[in-house]
């Protein structure tokens, strides 16, 4: 099943002339700008946190029926994890590398 609430937080963009930089550098720059409130063309951090809360609540509801696996990405996974912990779930067996990570949450 795929649900929009679990999609990655989009990066904002700019309409100004800028120097050439590798895409990875712009991704870091725009993610940092987003964390400080710049959200042109994307949801703000505040809106994304509300979506993460709704996603965590959805996962809790699904977990009441049995084990749940969420495959997601980056920032959104971290925000959902924080919300799960705020709802009383414990993060267990968190592992990761630069490109992949996983975590198990238990009530």
PDB file of N, CA and C in Angstrom:
ATOM      1  N   UNK A   1       0.846  -1.163   0.000  1.00  0.00           N
ATOM      2  CA  UNK A   1       0.000   0.000   0.000  1.00  0.00           C
ATOM      3  C   UNK A   1       0.899   1.237   0.000  1.00  0.00           C
ATOM      4  N   UNK A   2       0.536   2.246  -0.732  1.00  0.00           N
ATOM      5  CA  UNK A   2       1.289   3.489  -0.795  1.00  0.00           C
ATOM      6  C   UNK A   2       0.378   4.623  -0.357  1.00  0.00           C
ATOM      7  N   UNK A   3       0.856   5.460   0.546  1.00  0.00           N
ATOM      8  CA  UNK A   3       0.070   6.587   1.029  1.00  0.00           C
ATOM      9  C   UNK A   3       0.910   7.851   0.976  1.00  0.00           C
ATOM     10  N   UNK A   4       0.307   8.943   0.522  1.00  0.00           N
ATOM     11  CA  UNK A   4       1.016  10.203   0.325  1.00  0.00           C
ATOM     12  C   UNK A   4       1.638  10.746   1.605  1.00  0.00           C
ATOM     13  N   UNK A   5       1.035  10.457   2.755  1.00  0.00           N
ATOM     14  CA  UNK A   5       1.563  11.012   4.004  1.00  0.00           C
ATOM     15  C   UNK A   5       2.976  10.525   4.307  1.00  0.00           C
ATOM     16  N   UNK A   6       3.399   9.419   3.686  1.00  0.00           N
ATOM     17  CA  UNK A   6       4.712   8.854   3.956  1.00  0.00           C
ATOM     18  C   UNK A   6       5.783   9.328   2.968  1.00  0.00           C
ATOM     19  N   UNK A   7       5.426  10.121   1.974  1.00  0.00           N
ATOM     20  CA  UNK A   7       6.411  10.548   0.985  1.00  0.00           C
ATOM     21  C   UNK A   7       7.438  11.488   1.597  1.00  0.00           C
ATOM     22  N   UNK A   8       8.608  11.522   0.994  1.00  0.00           N
ATOM     23  CA  UNK A   8       9.709  12.346   1.487  1.00  0.00           C
ATOM     24  C   UNK A   8       9.346  13.821   1.477  1.00  0.00           C
ATOM     25  N   UNK A   9       9.899  14.548   2.425  1.00  0.00           N
ATOM     26  CA  UNK A   9       9.737  16.002   2.469  1.00  0.00           C
ATOM     27  C   UNK A   9      10.461  16.589   1.261  1.00  0.00           C
ATOM     28  N   UNK A  10       9.739  17.351   0.469  1.00  0.00           N
ATOM     29  CA  UNK A  10      10.325  17.923  -0.742  1.00  0.00           C
ATOM     30  C   UNK A  10      11.329  19.012  -0.409  1.00  0.00           C
ATOM     31  N   UNK A  11      12.263  19.219  -1.315  1.00  0.00           N
ATOM     32  CA  UNK A  11      13.203  20.316  -1.175  1.00  0.00           C
ATOM     33  C   UNK A  11      12.597  21.578  -1.788  1.00  0.00           C
ATOM     34  N   UNK A  12      12.836  22.730  -1.181  1.00  0.00           N
ATOM     35  CA  UNK A  12      12.401  23.972  -1.814  1.00  0.00           C
ATOM     36  C   UNK A  12      13.286  24.262  -3.031  1.00  0.00           C
ATOM     37  N   UNK A  13      12.949  25.291  -3.765  1.00  0.00           N
ATOM     38  CA  UNK A  13      13.781  25.689  -4.899  1.00  0.00           C
ATOM     39  C   UNK A  13      13.886  27.204  -4.911  1.00  0.00           C
ATOM     40  N   UNK A  14      14.710  27.712  -5.784  1.00  0.00           N
ATOM     41  CA  UNK A  14      14.931  29.161  -5.865  1.00  0.00           C
ATOM     42  C   UNK A  14      14.747  29.633  -7.297  1.00  0.00           C
ATOM     43  N   UNK A  15      14.429  30.896  -7.424  1.00  0.00           N
ATOM     44  CA  UNK A  15      14.286  31.508  -8.748  1.00  0.00           C
ATOM     45  C   UNK A  15      15.340  32.586  -8.968  1.00  0.00           C
ATOM     46  N   UNK A  16      16.472  32.442  -8.345  1.00  0.00           N
ATOM     47  CA  UNK A  16      17.540  33.400  -8.508  1.00  0.00           C
ATOM     48  C   UNK A  16      18.696  32.781  -9.281  1.00  0.00           C
ATOM     49  N   UNK A  17      19.522  33.645  -9.845  1.00  0.00           N
ATOM     50  CA  UNK A  17      20.722  33.156 -10.526  1.00  0.00           C
ATOM     51  C   UNK A  17      21.710  32.742  -9.453  1.00  0.00           C
ATOM     52  N   UNK A  18      22.315  31.606  -9.643  1.00  0.00           N
ATOM     53  CA  UNK A  18      23.227  31.096  -8.635  1.00  0.00           C
ATOM     54  C   UNK A  18      24.437  30.467  -9.313  1.00  0.00           C
ATOM     55  N   UNK A  19      25.516  30.366  -8.588  1.00  0.00           N
ATOM     56  CA  UNK A  19      26.699  29.723  -9.168  1.00  0.00           C
ATOM     57  C   UNK A  19      26.449  28.240  -9.381  1.00  0.00           C
ATOM     58  N   UNK A  20      27.216  27.656 -10.281  1.00  0.00           N
ATOM     59  CA  UNK A  20      27.101  26.222 -10.517  1.00  0.00           C
ATOM     60  C   UNK A  20      27.690  25.488  -9.326  1.00  0.00           C
ATOM     61  N   UNK A  21      26.947  24.547  -8.824  1.00  0.00           N
ATOM     62  CA  UNK A  21      27.411  23.644  -7.765  1.00  0.00           C
ATOM     63  C   UNK A  21      26.882  22.254  -8.084  1.00  0.00           C
ATOM     64  N   UNK A  22      27.546  21.220  -7.610  1.00  0.00           N
ATOM     65  CA  UNK A  22      27.031  19.865  -7.822  1.00  0.00           C
ATOM     66  C   UNK A  22      25.656  19.716  -7.174  1.00  0.00           C
ATOM     67  N   UNK A  23      24.853  18.833  -7.719  1.00  0.00           N
ATOM     68  CA  UNK A  23      23.494  18.611  -7.202  1.00  0.00           C
ATOM     69  C   UNK A  23      23.499  18.256  -5.717  1.00  0.00           C
ATOM     70  N   UNK A  24      24.486  17.474  -5.283  1.00  0.00           N
ATOM     71  CA  UNK A  24      24.556  17.095  -3.871  1.00  0.00           C
ATOM     72  C   UNK A  24      24.728  18.312  -2.978  1.00  0.00           C
ATOM     73  N   UNK A  25      25.517  19.288  -3.432  1.00  0.00           N
ATOM     74  CA  UNK A  25      25.723  20.513  -2.650  1.00  0.00           C
ATOM     75  C   UNK A  25      24.425  21.303  -2.549  1.00  0.00           C
ATOM     76  N   UNK A  26      23.706  21.425  -3.668  1.00  0.00           N
ATOM     77  CA  UNK A  26      22.433  22.148  -3.632  1.00  0.00           C
ATOM     78  C   UNK A  26      21.421  21.435  -2.741  1.00  0.00           C
ATOM     79  N   UNK A  27      21.424  20.114  -2.743  1.00  0.00           N
ATOM     80  CA  UNK A  27      20.507  19.368  -1.878  1.00  0.00           C
ATOM     81  C   UNK A  27      20.775  19.696  -0.418  1.00  0.00           C
ATOM     82  N   UNK A  28      22.033  19.738  -0.033  1.00  0.00           N
ATOM     83  CA  UNK A  28      22.382  20.079   1.351  1.00  0.00           C
ATOM     84  C   UNK A  28      21.998  21.524   1.652  1.00  0.00           C
ATOM     85  N   UNK A  29      22.321  22.425   0.759  1.00  0.00           N
ATOM     86  CA  UNK A  29      22.007  23.850   0.967  1.00  0.00           C
ATOM     87  C   UNK A  29      20.506  24.052   1.117  1.00  0.00           C
ATOM     88  N   UNK A  30      19.725  23.489   0.195  1.00  0.00           N
ATOM     89  CA  UNK A  30      18.281  23.686   0.269  1.00  0.00           C
ATOM     90  C   UNK A  30      17.644  22.979   1.457  1.00  0.00           C
ATOM     91  N   UNK A  31      18.195  21.832   1.867  1.00  0.00           N
ATOM     92  CA  UNK A  31      17.647  21.170   3.055  1.00  0.00           C
ATOM     93  C   UNK A  31      17.931  22.025   4.288  1.00  0.00           C
ATOM     94  N   UNK A  32      19.121  22.600   4.383  1.00  0.00           N
ATOM     95  CA  UNK A  32      19.428  23.485   5.510  1.00  0.00           C
ATOM     96  C   UNK A  32      18.543  24.731   5.490  1.00  0.00           C
ATOM     97  N   UNK A  33      18.372  25.323   4.314  1.00  0.00           N
ATOM     98  CA  UNK A  33      17.480  26.483   4.211  1.00  0.00           C
ATOM     99  C   UNK A  33      16.069  26.109   4.636  1.00  0.00           C
ATOM    100  N   UNK A  34      15.615  24.919   4.235  1.00  0.00           N
ATOM    101  CA  UNK A  34      14.281  24.440   4.607  1.00  0.00           C
ATOM    102  C   UNK A  34      14.157  24.316   6.121  1.00  0.00           C
ATOM    103  N   UNK A  35      15.194  23.785   6.777  1.00  0.00           N
ATOM    104  CA  UNK A  35      15.173  23.643   8.231  1.00  0.00           C
ATOM    105  C   UNK A  35      15.093  24.995   8.936  1.00  0.00           C
ATOM    106  N   UNK A  36      15.578  26.052   8.259  1.00  0.00           N
ATOM    107  CA  UNK A  36      15.524  27.394   8.826  1.00  0.00           C
ATOM    108  C   UNK A  36      14.334  28.205   8.321  1.00  0.00           C
ATOM    109  N   UNK A  37      13.393  27.545   7.630  1.00  0.00           N
ATOM    110  CA  UNK A  37      12.146  28.210   7.277  1.00  0.00           C
ATOM    111  C   UNK A  37      11.912  28.527   5.819  1.00  0.00           C
ATOM    112  N   UNK A  38      12.892  28.345   4.946  1.00  0.00           N
ATOM    113  CA  UNK A  38      12.704  28.623   3.527  1.00  0.00           C
ATOM    114  C   UNK A  38      12.000  27.433   2.882  1.00  0.00           C
ATOM    115  N   UNK A  39      10.835  27.669   2.280  1.00  0.00           N
ATOM    116  CA  UNK A  39      10.057  26.540   1.762  1.00  0.00           C
ATOM    117  C   UNK A  39       9.445  26.787   0.388  1.00  0.00           C
ATOM    118  N   UNK A  40       9.993  27.673  -0.409  1.00  0.00           N
ATOM    119  CA  UNK A  40       9.411  27.968  -1.720  1.00  0.00           C
ATOM    120  C   UNK A  40       9.220  26.686  -2.538  1.00  0.00           C
ATOM    121  N   UNK A  41       7.973  26.407  -2.906  1.00  0.00           N
ATOM    122  CA  UNK A  41       7.658  25.244  -3.730  1.00  0.00           C
ATOM    123  C   UNK A  41       7.557  23.939  -2.959  1.00  0.00           C
ATOM    124  N   UNK A  42       7.608  23.999  -1.635  1.00  0.00           N
ATOM    125  CA  UNK A  42       7.497  22.780  -0.835  1.00  0.00           C
ATOM    126  C   UNK A  42       6.725  23.094   0.445  1.00  0.00           C
ATOM    127  N   UNK A  43       6.326  22.051   1.139  1.00  0.00           N
ATOM    128  CA  UNK A  43       5.683  22.250   2.432  1.00  0.00           C
ATOM    129  C   UNK A  43       6.721  22.741   3.435  1.00  0.00           C
ATOM    130  N   UNK A  44       6.290  23.564   4.366  1.00  0.00           N
ATOM    131  CA  UNK A  44       7.189  24.041   5.409  1.00  0.00           C
ATOM    132  C   UNK A  44       7.531  22.914   6.370  1.00  0.00           C
ATOM    133  N   UNK A  45       8.535  23.136   7.193  1.00  0.00           N
ATOM    134  CA  UNK A  45       8.898  22.155   8.207  1.00  0.00           C
ATOM    135  C   UNK A  45       7.729  21.921   9.158  1.00  0.00           C
ATOM    136  N   UNK A  46       7.018  22.974   9.512  1.00  0.00           N
ATOM    137  CA  UNK A  46       5.865  22.845  10.414  1.00  0.00           C
ATOM    138  C   UNK A  46       4.783  21.941   9.811  1.00  0.00           C
ATOM    139  N   UNK A  47       4.456  22.158   8.564  1.00  0.00           N
ATOM    140  CA  UNK A  47       3.455  21.320   7.889  1.00  0.00           C
ATOM    141  C   UNK A  47       3.959  19.884   7.774  1.00  0.00           C
ATOM    142  N   UNK A  48       5.231  19.715   7.463  1.00  0.00           N
ATOM    143  CA  UNK A  48       5.803  18.373   7.333  1.00  0.00           C
ATOM    144  C   UNK A  48       5.799  17.651   8.673  1.00  0.00           C
ATOM    145  N   UNK A  49       6.049  18.380   9.760  1.00  0.00           N
ATOM    146  CA  UNK A  49       5.982  17.755  11.088  1.00  0.00           C
ATOM    147  C   UNK A  49       4.558  17.296  11.403  1.00  0.00           C
ATOM    148  N   UNK A  50       3.574  18.077  11.007  1.00  0.00           N
ATOM    149  CA  UNK A  50       2.180  17.645  11.218  1.00  0.00           C
ATOM    150  C   UNK A  50       1.883  16.390  10.402  1.00  0.00           C
ATOM    151  N   UNK A  51       2.410  16.334   9.188  1.00  0.00           N
ATOM    152  CA  UNK A  51       2.221  15.143   8.356  1.00  0.00           C
ATOM    153  C   UNK A  51       2.920  13.937   8.981  1.00  0.00           C
ATOM    154  N   UNK A  52       4.102  14.157   9.560  1.00  0.00           N
ATOM    155  CA  UNK A  52       4.818  13.077  10.239  1.00  0.00           C
ATOM    156  C   UNK A  52       4.023  12.583  11.440  1.00  0.00           C
ATOM    157  N   UNK A  53       3.371  13.485  12.149  1.00  0.00           N
ATOM    158  CA  UNK A  53       2.544  13.077  13.292  1.00  0.00           C
ATOM    159  C   UNK A  53       1.382  12.201  12.819  1.00  0.00           C
ATOM    160  N   UNK A  54       0.718  12.641  11.732  1.00  0.00           N
ATOM    161  CA  UNK A  54      -0.389  11.857  11.174  1.00  0.00           C
ATOM    162  C   UNK A  54       0.115  10.495  10.688  1.00  0.00           C
ATOM    163  N   UNK A  55       1.309  10.464  10.085  1.00  0.00           N
ATOM    164  CA  UNK A  55       1.879   9.202   9.608  1.00  0.00           C
ATOM    165  C   UNK A  55       2.180   8.273  10.775  1.00  0.00           C
ATOM    166  N   UNK A  56       2.726   8.821  11.859  1.00  0.00           N
ATOM    167  CA  UNK A  56       3.015   8.003  13.042  1.00  0.00           C
ATOM    168  C   UNK A  56       1.720   7.439  13.623  1.00  0.00           C
ATOM    169  N   UNK A  57       0.695   8.260  13.687  1.00  0.00           N
ATOM    170  CA  UNK A  57      -0.598   7.782  14.201  1.00  0.00           C
ATOM    171  C   UNK A  57      -1.168   6.688  13.305  1.00  0.00           C
ATOM    172  N   UNK A  58      -0.979   6.817  12.003  1.00  0.00           N
ATOM    173  CA  UNK A  58      -1.444   5.787  11.059  1.00  0.00           C
ATOM    174  C   UNK A  58      -0.685   4.487  11.281  1.00  0.00           C
ATOM    175  N   UNK A  59       0.629   4.574  11.474  1.00  0.00           N
ATOM    176  CA  UNK A  59       1.425   3.380  11.723  1.00  0.00           C
ATOM    177  C   UNK A  59       1.007   2.703  13.023  1.00  0.00           C
ATOM    178  N   UNK A  60       0.723   3.486  14.053  1.00  0.00           N
ATOM    179  CA  UNK A  60       0.270   2.925  15.327  1.00  0.00           C
ATOM    180  C   UNK A  60      -1.051   2.182  15.123  1.00  0.00           C
ATOM    181  N   UNK A  61      -1.962   2.776  14.358  1.00  0.00           N
ATOM    182  CA  UNK A  61      -3.250   2.121  14.093  1.00  0.00           C
ATOM    183  C   UNK A  61      -3.045   0.815  13.320  1.00  0.00           C
ATOM    184  N   UNK A  62      -2.163   0.831  12.345  1.00  0.00           N
ATOM    185  CA  UNK A  62      -1.879  -0.386  11.587  1.00  0.00           C
ATOM    186  C   UNK A  62      -1.213  -1.436  12.467  1.00  0.00           C
ATOM    187  N   UNK A  63      -0.330  -1.000  13.360  1.00  0.00           N
ATOM    188  CA  UNK A  63       0.387  -1.934  14.230  1.00  0.00           C
ATOM    189  C   UNK A  63      -0.539  -2.615  15.224  1.00  0.00           C
ATOM    190  N   UNK A  64      -1.688  -2.017  15.492  1.00  0.00           N
ATOM    191  CA  UNK A  64      -2.662  -2.652  16.384  1.00  0.00           C
ATOM    192  C   UNK A  64      -3.196  -3.941  15.774  1.00  0.00           C
ATOM    193  N   UNK A  65      -3.051  -4.079  14.449  1.00  0.00           N
ATOM    194  CA  UNK A  65      -3.542  -5.266  13.740  1.00  0.00           C
ATOM    195  C   UNK A  65      -2.442  -6.278  13.448  1.00  0.00           C
ATOM    196  N   UNK A  66      -1.180  -5.888  13.647  1.00  0.00           N
ATOM    197  CA  UNK A  66      -0.065  -6.784  13.379  1.00  0.00           C
ATOM    198  C   UNK A  66       1.177  -6.010  12.994  1.00  0.00           C
ATOM    199  N   UNK A  67       2.271  -6.709  12.693  1.00  0.00           N
ATOM    200  CA  UNK A  67       3.531  -6.041  12.332  1.00  0.00           C
ATOM    201  C   UNK A  67       3.365  -5.154  11.088  1.00  0.00           C
ATOM    202  N   UNK A  68       4.126  -4.063  11.060  1.00  0.00           N
ATOM    203  CA  UNK A  68       4.071  -3.098   9.958  1.00  0.00           C
ATOM    204  C   UNK A  68       5.488  -2.849   9.459  1.00  0.00           C
ATOM    205  N   UNK A  69       5.647  -2.765   8.153  1.00  0.00           N
ATOM    206  CA  UNK A  69       6.915  -2.405   7.535  1.00  0.00           C
ATOM    207  C   UNK A  69       6.690  -1.121   6.751  1.00  0.00           C
ATOM    208  N   UNK A  70       7.488  -0.102   7.044  1.00  0.00           N
ATOM    209  CA  UNK A  70       7.443   1.144   6.288  1.00  0.00           C
ATOM    210  C   UNK A  70       8.770   1.301   5.570  1.00  0.00           C
ATOM    211  N   UNK A  71       8.719   1.459   4.273  1.00  0.00           N
ATOM    212  CA  UNK A  71       9.913   1.755   3.485  1.00  0.00           C
ATOM    213  C   UNK A  71       9.777   3.211   3.067  1.00  0.00           C
ATOM    214  N   UNK A  72      10.687   4.015   3.530  1.00  0.00           N
ATOM    215  CA  UNK A  72      10.593   5.455   3.265  1.00  0.00           C
ATOM    216  C   UNK A  72      11.955   6.041   2.967  1.00  0.00           C
ATOM    217  N   UNK A  73      12.073   7.332   3.242  1.00  0.00           N
ATOM    218  CA  UNK A  73      13.288   8.040   2.867  1.00  0.00           C
ATOM    219  C   UNK A  73      13.622   9.130   3.866  1.00  0.00           C
ATOM    220  N   UNK A  74      14.884   9.281   4.131  1.00  0.00           N
ATOM    221  CA  UNK A  74      15.525  10.391   4.802  1.00  0.00           C
ATOM    222  C   UNK A  74      14.823  11.131   5.912  1.00  0.00           C
ATOM    223  N   UNK A  75      14.637  12.403   5.672  1.00  0.00           N
ATOM    224  CA  UNK A  75      14.099  13.316   6.677  1.00  0.00           C
ATOM    225  C   UNK A  75      12.743  12.850   7.178  1.00  0.00           C
ATOM    226  N   UNK A  76      11.885  12.416   6.290  1.00  0.00           N
ATOM    227  CA  UNK A  76      10.544  12.003   6.709  1.00  0.00           C
ATOM    228  C   UNK A  76      10.607  10.818   7.661  1.00  0.00           C
ATOM    229  N   UNK A  77      11.480   9.857   7.391  1.00  0.00           N
ATOM    230  CA  UNK A  77      11.629   8.723   8.305  1.00  0.00           C
ATOM    231  C   UNK A  77      12.073   9.199   9.687  1.00  0.00           C
ATOM    232  N   UNK A  78      12.997  10.148   9.733  1.00  0.00           N
ATOM    233  CA  UNK A  78      13.458  10.660  11.021  1.00  0.00           C
ATOM    234  C   UNK A  78      12.331  11.366  11.766  1.00  0.00           C
ATOM    235  N   UNK A  79      11.570  12.186  11.044  1.00  0.00           N
ATOM    236  CA  UNK A  79      10.463  12.897  11.686  1.00  0.00           C
ATOM    237  C   UNK A  79       9.395  11.930  12.191  1.00  0.00           C
ATOM    238  N   UNK A  80       9.081  10.913  11.408  1.00  0.00           N
ATOM    239  CA  UNK A  80       8.095   9.914  11.841  1.00  0.00           C
ATOM    240  C   UNK A  80       8.630   9.170  13.067  1.00  0.00           C
ATOM    241  N   UNK A  81       9.916   8.833  13.061  1.00  0.00           N
ATOM    242  CA  UNK A  81      10.519   8.158  14.207  1.00  0.00           C
ATOM    243  C   UNK A  81      10.402   8.986  15.479  1.00  0.00           C
ATOM    244  N   UNK A  82      10.659  10.278  15.378  1.00  0.00           N
ATOM    245  CA  UNK A  82      10.513  11.157  16.543  1.00  0.00           C
ATOM    246  C   UNK A  82       9.074  11.185  17.040  1.00  0.00           C
ATOM    247  N   UNK A  83       8.132  11.198  16.108  1.00  0.00           N
ATOM    248  CA  UNK A  83       6.721  11.210  16.502  1.00  0.00           C
ATOM    249  C   UNK A  83       6.317   9.882  17.147  1.00  0.00           C
ATOM    250  N   UNK A  84       6.822   8.774  16.625  1.00  0.00           N
ATOM    251  CA  UNK A  84       6.539   7.478  17.246  1.00  0.00           C
ATOM    252  C   UNK A  84       7.070   7.453  18.678  1.00  0.00           C
ATOM    253  N   UNK A  85       8.257   7.986  18.882  1.00  0.00           N
ATOM    254  CA  UNK A  85       8.816   8.031  20.225  1.00  0.00           C
ATOM    255  C   UNK A  85       7.983   8.939  21.132  1.00  0.00           C
ATOM    256  N   UNK A  86       7.493  10.048  20.607  1.00  0.00           N
ATOM    257  CA  UNK A  86       6.635  10.940  21.394  1.00  0.00           C
ATOM    258  C   UNK A  86       5.327  10.244  21.779  1.00  0.00           C
ATOM    259  N   UNK A  87       4.911   9.277  20.973  1.00  0.00           N
ATOM    260  CA  UNK A  87       3.698   8.510  21.267  1.00  0.00           C
ATOM    261  C   UNK A  87       3.977   7.313  22.179  1.00  0.00           C
ATOM    262  N   UNK A  88       5.216   7.195  22.644  1.00  0.00           N
ATOM    263  CA  UNK A  88       5.547   6.145  23.596  1.00  0.00           C
ATOM    264  C   UNK A  88       6.220   4.915  23.023  1.00  0.00           C
ATOM    265  N   UNK A  89       6.546   4.920  21.753  1.00  0.00           N
ATOM    266  CA  UNK A  89       7.217   3.775  21.138  1.00  0.00           C
ATOM    267  C   UNK A  89       8.719   3.892  21.372  1.00  0.00           C
ATOM    268  N   UNK A  90       9.383   2.755  21.497  1.00  0.00           N
ATOM    269  CA  UNK A  90      10.823   2.722  21.725  1.00  0.00           C
ATOM    270  C   UNK A  90      11.551   2.354  20.445  1.00  0.00           C
ATOM    271  N   UNK A  91      12.610   3.087  20.164  1.00  0.00           N
ATOM    272  CA  UNK A  91      13.442   2.772  18.997  1.00  0.00           C
ATOM    273  C   UNK A  91      14.426   1.690  19.389  1.00  0.00           C
ATOM    274  N   UNK A  92      14.393   0.595  18.684  1.00  0.00           N
ATOM    275  CA  UNK A  92      15.286  -0.532  18.945  1.00  0.00           C
ATOM    276  C   UNK A  92      16.055  -0.867  17.669  1.00  0.00           C
ATOM    277  N   UNK A  93      17.280  -1.321  17.842  1.00  0.00           N
ATOM    278  CA  UNK A  93      18.042  -1.852  16.716  1.00  0.00           C
ATOM    279  C   UNK A  93      18.138  -0.876  15.546  1.00  0.00           C
ATOM    280  N   UNK A  94      18.432   0.402  15.833  1.00  0.00           N
ATOM    281  CA  UNK A  94      18.613   1.365  14.749  1.00  0.00           C
ATOM    282  C   UNK A  94      20.010   1.206  14.182  1.00  0.00           C
ATOM    283  N   UNK A  95      20.079   1.046  12.862  1.00  0.00           N
ATOM    284  CA  UNK A  95      21.348   0.858  12.170  1.00  0.00           C
ATOM    285  C   UNK A  95      21.324   1.658  10.888  1.00  0.00           C
ATOM    286  N   UNK A  96      22.491   2.033  10.400  1.00  0.00           N
ATOM    287  CA  UNK A  96      22.494   2.737   9.138  1.00  0.00           C
ATOM    288  C   UNK A  96      23.881   3.002   8.597  1.00  0.00           C
ATOM    289  N   UNK A  97      23.869   3.453   7.377  1.00  0.00           N
ATOM    290  CA  UNK A  97      25.086   3.883   6.692  1.00  0.00           C
ATOM    291  C   UNK A  97      24.737   5.184   5.992  1.00  0.00           C
ATOM    292  N   UNK A  98      25.578   5.611   5.125  1.00  0.00           N
ATOM    293  CA  UNK A  98      25.321   6.868   4.420  1.00  0.00           C
ATOM    294  C   UNK A  98      24.048   6.793   3.561  1.00  0.00           C
ATOM    295  N   UNK A  99      23.779   5.636   2.970  1.00  0.00           N
ATOM    296  CA  UNK A  99      22.675   5.521   2.032  1.00  0.00           C
ATOM    297  C   UNK A  99      21.478   4.751   2.559  1.00  0.00           C
ATOM    298  N   UNK A 100      21.684   3.862   3.504  1.00  0.00           N
ATOM    299  CA  UNK A 100      20.599   3.007   3.974  1.00  0.00           C
ATOM    300  C   UNK A 100      20.531   3.055   5.494  1.00  0.00           C
ATOM    301  N   UNK A 101      19.342   2.967   6.014  1.00  0.00           N
ATOM    302  CA  UNK A 101      19.192   2.844   7.463  1.00  0.00           C
ATOM    303  C   UNK A 101      17.900   2.084   7.751  1.00  0.00           C
ATOM    304  N   UNK A 102      17.822   1.608   8.976  1.00  0.00           N
ATOM    305  CA  UNK A 102      16.605   0.910   9.394  1.00  0.00           C
ATOM    306  C   UNK A 102      16.458   1.081  10.886  1.00  0.00           C
ATOM    307  N   UNK A 103      15.238   0.959  11.324  1.00  0.00           N
ATOM    308  CA  UNK A 103      14.950   1.027  12.744  1.00  0.00           C
ATOM    309  C   UNK A 103      13.732   0.192  13.058  1.00  0.00           C
ATOM    310  N   UNK A 104      13.715  -0.349  14.250  1.00  0.00           N
ATOM    311  CA  UNK A 104      12.583  -1.124  14.724  1.00  0.00           C
ATOM    312  C   UNK A 104      11.995  -0.360  15.903  1.00  0.00           C
ATOM    313  N   UNK A 105      10.699  -0.148  15.853  1.00  0.00           N
ATOM    314  CA  UNK A 105      10.009   0.556  16.934  1.00  0.00           C
ATOM    315  C   UNK A 105       9.043  -0.404  17.593  1.00  0.00           C
ATOM    316  N   UNK A 106       9.075  -0.424  18.918  1.00  0.00           N
ATOM    317  CA  UNK A 106       8.212  -1.309  19.692  1.00  0.00           C
ATOM    318  C   UNK A 106       7.473  -0.510  20.751  1.00  0.00           C
ATOM    319  N   UNK A 107       6.304  -0.981  21.073  1.00  0.00           N
ATOM    320  CA  UNK A 107       5.523  -0.301  22.095  1.00  0.00           C
ATOM    321  C   UNK A 107       5.820  -0.883  23.441  1.00  0.00           C
TER     322      UNK A 107
END
